[in-house]
Amino acid sequence: MFVYGYALTVLPDEIFEASVVHDILKLKHRHLFRVLGTYAPSGRMIFTIAPIAETVQLETAYKGKPCTIIIEKSTETQTALNR
């Protein structure tokens, strides 16, 4: 089994605090699950169990302010998990 990691960017960058990013991701969980499948965010990374086909960019709002979630395909890393 493999785990794929990608750079996670939330713009504007000044809102990039872990708890805020997790709140934003919770708001868009259903959409992200449809696009990514099972995923787990960690700091400025997001991990999936399947590779993504292309960069994911999602426009949303948090507390009335627009923001963008970007998961960059070009930053893909792959790690094998041992059982």
Protein backbone atom coordinates (compact mmCIF):
# COMPACT_ATOMS: atom_id res chain seq x y z
CA MET A 1 0.00 0.00 0.00
CA PHE A 2 1.17 3.52 -0.77
CA VAL A 3 0.43 6.93 0.73
CA TYR A 4 0.68 10.00 -1.48
CA GLY A 5 1.58 13.40 -0.06
CA TYR A 6 0.91 16.80 -1.61
CA ALA A 7 1.63 20.40 -0.70
CA LEU A 8 -1.48 22.05 0.73
CA THR A 9 -1.90 25.77 0.25
CA VAL A 10 -4.70 27.93 1.59
CA LEU A 11 -4.82 31.49 0.28
CA PRO A 12 -4.65 34.15 1.49
CA ASP A 13 -1.57 32.81 3.24
CA GLU A 14 -2.10 34.82 6.43
CA ILE A 15 -4.96 32.51 7.43
CA PHE A 16 -2.70 29.46 7.32
CA GLU A 17 -2.99 28.41 10.92
CA ALA A 18 -3.50 24.67 11.46
CA SER A 19 -6.81 24.98 13.31
CA VAL A 20 -8.23 27.41 10.72
CA VAL A 21 -7.13 25.20 7.82
CA HIS A 22 -8.78 22.17 9.44
CA ASP A 23 -11.99 24.20 9.89
CA ILE A 24 -11.92 25.20 6.20
CA LEU A 25 -11.28 21.60 5.13
CA LYS A 26 -14.18 20.40 7.31
CA LEU A 27 -16.50 22.82 5.50
CA LYS A 28 -15.50 21.30 2.15
CA HIS A 29 -15.10 17.69 3.33
CA ARG A 30 -17.74 16.17 1.02
CA HIS A 31 -16.32 17.87 -2.06
CA LEU A 32 -12.73 17.00 -1.15
CA PHE A 33 -13.69 13.38 -0.43
CA ARG A 34 -15.31 13.09 -3.87
CA VAL A 35 -12.12 14.44 -5.50
CA LEU A 36 -9.43 12.87 -3.27
CA GLY A 37 -11.03 9.84 -1.70
CA THR A 38 -9.76 9.17 1.80
CA TYR A 39 -7.43 11.99 2.87
CA ALA A 40 -5.68 13.32 5.96
CA PRO A 41 -4.36 16.88 6.30
CA SER A 42 -1.24 17.57 8.35
CA GLY A 43 0.18 21.08 8.50
CA ARG A 44 1.03 22.17 4.97
CA MET A 45 0.58 18.65 3.55
CA ILE A 46 -2.38 16.49 2.66
CA PHE A 47 -2.13 12.72 2.33
CA THR A 48 -4.23 10.36 0.20
CA ILE A 49 -4.26 6.62 -0.48
CA ALA A 50 -4.56 7.12 -4.24
CA PRO A 51 -2.70 9.58 -6.47
CA ILE A 52 -4.59 12.62 -7.71
CA ALA A 53 -4.91 13.15 -11.45
CA GLU A 54 -4.29 16.90 -11.43
CA THR A 55 -3.89 19.91 -9.18
CA VAL A 56 -7.02 20.55 -7.12
CA GLN A 57 -8.10 24.16 -6.66
CA LEU A 58 -11.24 24.94 -4.68
CA GLU A 59 -12.70 28.39 -4.11
CA THR A 60 -14.56 28.78 -0.83
CA ALA A 61 -15.14 31.24 2.01
CA TYR A 62 -14.31 31.20 5.70
CA LYS A 63 -16.10 33.55 8.08
CA GLY A 64 -17.31 35.57 5.11
CA LYS A 65 -13.86 35.99 3.54
CA PRO A 66 -12.94 34.32 0.25
CA CYS A 67 -10.17 31.75 0.29
CA THR A 68 -8.70 29.15 -2.04
CA ILE A 69 -7.57 25.61 -1.25
CA ILE A 70 -4.82 24.31 -3.55
CA ILE A 71 -3.48 20.75 -3.56
CA GLU A 72 -0.56 20.66 -5.98
CA LYS A 73 -0.07 17.55 -8.16
CA SER A 74 3.52 18.61 -8.98
CA THR A 75 4.51 18.17 -5.32
CA GLU A 76 3.45 14.51 -5.16
CA THR A 77 5.51 12.18 -2.95
CA GLN A 78 4.89 8.48 -2.60
CA THR A 79 5.64 6.37 0.47
CA ALA A 80 5.23 2.61 0.76
CA LEU A 81 3.63 1.35 3.96
CA ASN A 82 4.76 -1.96 5.40
CA ARG A 83 2.25 -4.19 7.08
